[in-house]
Amino acid sequence: MPLNIAFLGAGLMATPMIERLLAAGHPVGVWNRTRAKLEPLLARGATPLDAPAQAANADLVLMCLMDAAAVRSTLFGDQGLASAARESIRARCLVDHSSIRPDATREMAAQLAARSGIDWIDAPVSGGIAGAAAGSLAVMCGGPQAAFHMARPVLAAYAANITL
């Protein structure tokens, strides 16, 4: 049974990833700072999220944002993912495809786990926009093995090579 996915960010790289998740039959809630970027995804069946905190209701949260400042704001801002009440959080894993420094990743992963209990998979990708559209990305994951095993079948919608 497909997992209920929340995807935070809908830029050039994330959009084809989201399209492939939808084509694979996953229900996908999407959020982006610029709401207009969601329109093509909503037309394909994605559901809009009004704030990143709503992603806490998904089985799995995926994220692909511009930089560490965008990641920090999306997770820890006023309506960020970590602002959801801990007892109401369904999500147990966040997969981060953003390109940010390892030290920032480690710090934010620890903060997210402490505040919400959500595991973090650092998952940079290789293959570019064309690879995302073709489903041929390579994803190099770092994080807890159990979280990786939960996320791996979902990542297979847009990646051909997924390693922990």
C-alpha atoms as a PDB file:
ATOM      1  CA  MET A   1       0.000   0.000   0.000  1.00  0.00           C
ATOM      2  CA  PRO A   2       1.470   3.408  -0.954  1.00  0.00           C
ATOM      3  CA  LEU A   3       2.615   5.631   1.882  1.00  0.00           C
ATOM      4  CA  ASN A   4       1.104   9.053   2.429  1.00  0.00           C
ATOM      5  CA  ILE A   5       3.914  11.447   1.482  1.00  0.00           C
ATOM      6  CA  ALA A   6       4.512  15.116   2.282  1.00  0.00           C
ATOM      7  CA  PHE A   7       7.032  16.924   0.081  1.00  0.00           C
ATOM      8  CA  LEU A   8       8.441  20.256   1.268  1.00  0.00           C
ATOM      9  CA  GLY A   9       9.755  22.284  -1.659  1.00  0.00           C
ATOM     10  CA  ALA A  10       8.670  22.267  -5.286  1.00  0.00           C
ATOM     11  CA  GLY A  11      11.603  23.723  -7.180  1.00  0.00           C
ATOM     12  CA  LEU A  12      13.232  22.561 -10.391  1.00  0.00           C
ATOM     13  CA  MET A  13      14.628  19.365  -8.886  1.00  0.00           C
ATOM     14  CA  ALA A  14      11.728  18.517  -6.602  1.00  0.00           C
ATOM     15  CA  THR A  15       8.938  18.918  -9.156  1.00  0.00           C
ATOM     16  CA  PRO A  16       9.858  15.888 -11.296  1.00  0.00           C
ATOM     17  CA  MET A  17      10.442  13.873  -8.114  1.00  0.00           C
ATOM     18  CA  ILE A  18       6.923  14.719  -6.953  1.00  0.00           C
ATOM     19  CA  GLU A  19       5.494  13.934 -10.399  1.00  0.00           C
ATOM     20  CA  ARG A  20       7.073  10.475 -10.274  1.00  0.00           C
ATOM     21  CA  LEU A  21       5.715   9.867  -6.750  1.00  0.00           C
ATOM     22  CA  LEU A  22       2.223  10.755  -7.961  1.00  0.00           C
ATOM     23  CA  ALA A  23       2.617   8.496 -11.018  1.00  0.00           C
ATOM     24  CA  ALA A  24       3.631   5.661  -8.665  1.00  0.00           C
ATOM     25  CA  GLY A  25       0.316   6.058  -6.847  1.00  0.00           C
ATOM     26  CA  HIS A  26       1.492   7.799  -3.674  1.00  0.00           C
ATOM     27  CA  PRO A  27      -0.819  10.405  -2.153  1.00  0.00           C
ATOM     28  CA  VAL A  28       1.440  13.477  -1.973  1.00  0.00           C
ATOM     29  CA  GLY A  29       0.857  16.651   0.014  1.00  0.00           C
ATOM     30  CA  VAL A  30       3.024  19.505  -1.238  1.00  0.00           C
ATOM     31  CA  TRP A  31       4.203  22.767   0.274  1.00  0.00           C
ATOM     32  CA  ASN A  32       6.352  25.492  -1.212  1.00  0.00           C
ATOM     33  CA  ARG A  33       7.162  29.043  -0.125  1.00  0.00           C
ATOM     34  CA  THR A  34       5.921  30.232  -3.531  1.00  0.00           C
ATOM     35  CA  ARG A  35       2.417  28.781  -3.774  1.00  0.00           C
ATOM     36  CA  ALA A  36       2.149  29.334  -7.559  1.00  0.00           C
ATOM     37  CA  LYS A  37       4.835  26.673  -8.142  1.00  0.00           C
ATOM     38  CA  LEU A  38       2.401  24.070  -6.788  1.00  0.00           C
ATOM     39  CA  GLU A  39      -0.251  24.601  -9.460  1.00  0.00           C
ATOM     40  CA  PRO A  40       1.094  22.051 -12.006  1.00  0.00           C
ATOM     41  CA  LEU A  41       1.460  19.475  -9.211  1.00  0.00           C
ATOM     42  CA  LEU A  42      -2.043  20.122  -7.901  1.00  0.00           C
ATOM     43  CA  ALA A  43      -3.351  19.585 -11.445  1.00  0.00           C
ATOM     44  CA  ARG A  44      -1.676  16.142 -11.375  1.00  0.00           C
ATOM     45  CA  GLY A  45      -3.329  15.164  -8.091  1.00  0.00           C
ATOM     46  CA  ALA A  46      -1.102  16.505  -5.322  1.00  0.00           C
ATOM     47  CA  THR A  47      -2.781  18.026  -2.268  1.00  0.00           C
ATOM     48  CA  PRO A  48      -1.667  21.467  -1.067  1.00  0.00           C
ATOM     49  CA  LEU A  49      -0.289  21.915   2.435  1.00  0.00           C
ATOM     50  CA  ASP A  50      -0.802  25.377   3.909  1.00  0.00           C
ATOM     51  CA  ALA A  51       2.266  25.139   6.145  1.00  0.00           C
ATOM     52  CA  PRO A  52       5.165  22.717   6.716  1.00  0.00           C
ATOM     53  CA  ALA A  53       3.643  21.745  10.089  1.00  0.00           C
ATOM     54  CA  GLN A  54       0.892  19.901   8.188  1.00  0.00           C
ATOM     55  CA  ALA A  55       3.553  17.499   6.871  1.00  0.00           C
ATOM     56  CA  ALA A  56       3.635  15.971  10.362  1.00  0.00           C
ATOM     57  CA  ASN A  57       0.467  14.064   9.396  1.00  0.00           C
ATOM     58  CA  ALA A  58       2.195  12.156   6.569  1.00  0.00           C
ATOM     59  CA  ASP A  59       3.818   8.732   6.864  1.00  0.00           C
ATOM     60  CA  LEU A  60       7.040  10.084   5.338  1.00  0.00           C
ATOM     61  CA  VAL A  61       8.319  13.631   4.778  1.00  0.00           C
ATOM     62  CA  LEU A  62      10.594  14.419   1.835  1.00  0.00           C
ATOM     63  CA  MET A  63      12.339  17.757   1.436  1.00  0.00           C
ATOM     64  CA  CYS A  64      14.335  19.440  -1.333  1.00  0.00           C
ATOM     65  CA  LEU A  65      15.118  23.076  -0.561  1.00  0.00           C
ATOM     66  CA  MET A  66      17.610  25.683  -1.744  1.00  0.00           C
ATOM     67  CA  ASP A  67      19.914  26.063   1.261  1.00  0.00           C
ATOM     68  CA  ALA A  68      20.359  25.637   5.010  1.00  0.00           C
ATOM     69  CA  ALA A  69      18.441  28.837   5.792  1.00  0.00           C
ATOM     70  CA  ALA A  70      15.410  27.555   3.875  1.00  0.00           C
ATOM     71  CA  VAL A  71      15.672  24.167   5.613  1.00  0.00           C
ATOM     72  CA  ARG A  72      15.924  25.787   9.057  1.00  0.00           C
ATOM     73  CA  SER A  73      12.938  28.050   8.413  1.00  0.00           C
ATOM     74  CA  THR A  74      10.831  25.218   6.982  1.00  0.00           C
ATOM     75  CA  LEU A  75      11.536  22.935   9.926  1.00  0.00           C
ATOM     76  CA  PHE A  76      11.846  25.310  12.870  1.00  0.00           C
ATOM     77  CA  GLY A  77       9.960  28.465  11.858  1.00  0.00           C
ATOM     78  CA  ASP A  78       6.615  29.531  13.351  1.00  0.00           C
ATOM     79  CA  GLN A  79       4.640  27.010  11.254  1.00  0.00           C
ATOM     80  CA  GLY A  80       7.564  24.664  10.599  1.00  0.00           C
ATOM     81  CA  LEU A  81       7.415  20.903  10.756  1.00  0.00           C
ATOM     82  CA  ALA A  82       8.802  20.843  14.303  1.00  0.00           C
ATOM     83  CA  SER A  83       6.074  23.209  15.517  1.00  0.00           C
ATOM     84  CA  ALA A  84       3.478  20.415  15.326  1.00  0.00           C
ATOM     85  CA  ALA A  85       2.542  19.011  18.709  1.00  0.00           C
ATOM     86  CA  ARG A  86       4.800  16.021  19.350  1.00  0.00           C
ATOM     87  CA  GLU A  87       1.912  13.755  20.365  1.00  0.00           C
ATOM     88  CA  SER A  88       0.120  14.505  17.077  1.00  0.00           C
ATOM     89  CA  ILE A  89       3.084  13.777  14.792  1.00  0.00           C
ATOM     90  CA  ARG A  90       2.550  10.735  12.574  1.00  0.00           C
ATOM     91  CA  ALA A  91       5.725  11.128  10.492  1.00  0.00           C
ATOM     92  CA  ARG A  92       8.714   9.186  11.765  1.00  0.00           C
ATOM     93  CA  CYS A  93      11.225  10.019   9.036  1.00  0.00           C
ATOM     94  CA  LEU A  94      12.335  13.041   7.042  1.00  0.00           C
ATOM     95  CA  VAL A  95      14.414  12.492   3.892  1.00  0.00           C
ATOM     96  CA  ASP A  96      16.388  15.625   3.047  1.00  0.00           C
ATOM     97  CA  HIS A  97      17.510  16.053  -0.566  1.00  0.00           C
ATOM     98  CA  SER A  98      18.646  19.662   0.044  1.00  0.00           C
ATOM     99  CA  SER A  99      22.274  20.572  -0.603  1.00  0.00           C
ATOM    100  CA  ILE A 100      23.495  21.776   2.779  1.00  0.00           C
ATOM    101  CA  ARG A 101      26.699  21.390   4.749  1.00  0.00           C
ATOM    102  CA  PRO A 102      27.138  18.235   6.845  1.00  0.00           C
ATOM    103  CA  ASP A 103      27.576  20.189  10.087  1.00  0.00           C
ATOM    104  CA  ALA A 104      24.272  22.016   9.519  1.00  0.00           C
ATOM    105  CA  THR A 105      22.594  18.709   8.690  1.00  0.00           C
ATOM    106  CA  ARG A 106      23.843  17.061  11.881  1.00  0.00           C
ATOM    107  CA  GLU A 107      22.776  20.013  14.038  1.00  0.00           C
ATOM    108  CA  MET A 108      19.294  20.255  12.527  1.00  0.00           C
ATOM    109  CA  ALA A 109      18.811  16.471  12.561  1.00  0.00           C
ATOM    110  CA  ALA A 110      19.564  16.398  16.297  1.00  0.00           C
ATOM    111  CA  GLN A 111      17.235  19.337  16.929  1.00  0.00           C
ATOM    112  CA  LEU A 112      14.407  17.749  14.892  1.00  0.00           C
ATOM    113  CA  ALA A 113      14.763  14.424  16.705  1.00  0.00           C
ATOM    114  CA  ALA A 114      14.768  16.126  20.115  1.00  0.00           C
ATOM    115  CA  ARG A 115      11.713  18.263  19.360  1.00  0.00           C
ATOM    116  CA  SER A 116       9.604  15.835  17.343  1.00  0.00           C
ATOM    117  CA  GLY A 117      11.063  12.332  17.443  1.00  0.00           C
ATOM    118  CA  ILE A 118      11.480  12.337  13.644  1.00  0.00           C
ATOM    119  CA  ASP A 119      14.534  10.539  12.210  1.00  0.00           C
ATOM    120  CA  TRP A 120      16.549  12.355   9.537  1.00  0.00           C
ATOM    121  CA  ILE A 121      17.947  10.735   6.399  1.00  0.00           C
ATOM    122  CA  ASP A 122      20.516  12.944   4.697  1.00  0.00           C
ATOM    123  CA  ALA A 123      19.988  12.045   1.029  1.00  0.00           C
ATOM    124  CA  PRO A 124      21.880  14.102  -1.532  1.00  0.00           C
ATOM    125  CA  VAL A 125      21.107  13.184  -5.133  1.00  0.00           C
ATOM    126  CA  SER A 126      23.093  12.932  -8.338  1.00  0.00           C
ATOM    127  CA  GLY A 127      21.658  12.996 -11.832  1.00  0.00           C
ATOM    128  CA  GLY A 128      20.096  16.425 -12.154  1.00  0.00           C
ATOM    129  CA  ILE A 129      16.633  17.420 -13.266  1.00  0.00           C
ATOM    130  CA  ALA A 130      16.731  15.036 -16.243  1.00  0.00           C
ATOM    131  CA  GLY A 131      17.590  12.147 -13.919  1.00  0.00           C
ATOM    132  CA  ALA A 132      14.702  13.026 -11.611  1.00  0.00           C
ATOM    133  CA  ALA A 133      12.290  13.114 -14.573  1.00  0.00           C
ATOM    134  CA  ALA A 134      13.619   9.781 -15.880  1.00  0.00           C
ATOM    135  CA  GLY A 135      13.636   8.111 -12.464  1.00  0.00           C
ATOM    136  CA  SER A 136      17.366   7.456 -12.716  1.00  0.00           C
ATOM    137  CA  LEU A 137      18.779   9.518  -9.842  1.00  0.00           C
ATOM    138  CA  ALA A 138      21.469   8.169  -7.544  1.00  0.00           C
ATOM    139  CA  VAL A 139      20.687   8.838  -3.865  1.00  0.00           C
ATOM    140  CA  MET A 140      23.405   8.494  -1.225  1.00  0.00           C
ATOM    141  CA  CYS A 141      21.672   8.205   2.151  1.00  0.00           C
ATOM    142  CA  GLY A 142      22.996   8.634   5.657  1.00  0.00           C
ATOM    143  CA  GLY A 143      20.903   7.996   8.744  1.00  0.00           C
ATOM    144  CA  PRO A 144      19.247   5.266  10.805  1.00  0.00           C
ATOM    145  CA  GLN A 145      18.932   1.945   8.993  1.00  0.00           C
ATOM    146  CA  ALA A 146      15.272   1.402   9.960  1.00  0.00           C
ATOM    147  CA  ALA A 147      14.315   4.831   8.579  1.00  0.00           C
ATOM    148  CA  PHE A 148      16.270   4.102   5.393  1.00  0.00           C
ATOM    149  CA  HIS A 149      14.405   0.831   4.887  1.00  0.00           C
ATOM    150  CA  MET A 150      11.081   2.623   5.284  1.00  0.00           C
ATOM    151  CA  ALA A 151      12.026   5.371   2.810  1.00  0.00           C
ATOM    152  CA  ARG A 152      13.833   3.265   0.187  1.00  0.00           C
ATOM    153  CA  PRO A 153      10.744   1.964  -1.679  1.00  0.00           C
ATOM    154  CA  VAL A 154       9.427   5.527  -1.953  1.00  0.00           C
ATOM    155  CA  LEU A 155      12.739   6.880  -3.236  1.00  0.00           C
ATOM    156  CA  ALA A 156      12.674   4.169  -5.915  1.00  0.00           C
ATOM    157  CA  ALA A 157       9.932   6.167  -7.674  1.00  0.00           C
ATOM    158  CA  TYR A 158      12.600   8.629  -8.838  1.00  0.00           C
ATOM    159  CA  ALA A 159      15.940   6.944  -8.175  1.00  0.00           C
ATOM    160  CA  ALA A 160      17.592   3.918  -9.754  1.00  0.00           C
ATOM    161  CA  ASN A 161      20.524   3.695  -7.332  1.00  0.00           C
ATOM    162  CA  ILE A 162      19.802   4.131  -3.611  1.00  0.00           C
ATOM    163  CA  THR A 163      22.499   3.380  -1.047  1.00  0.00           C
ATOM    164  CA  LEU A 164      22.864   3.748   2.697  1.00  0.00           C
END
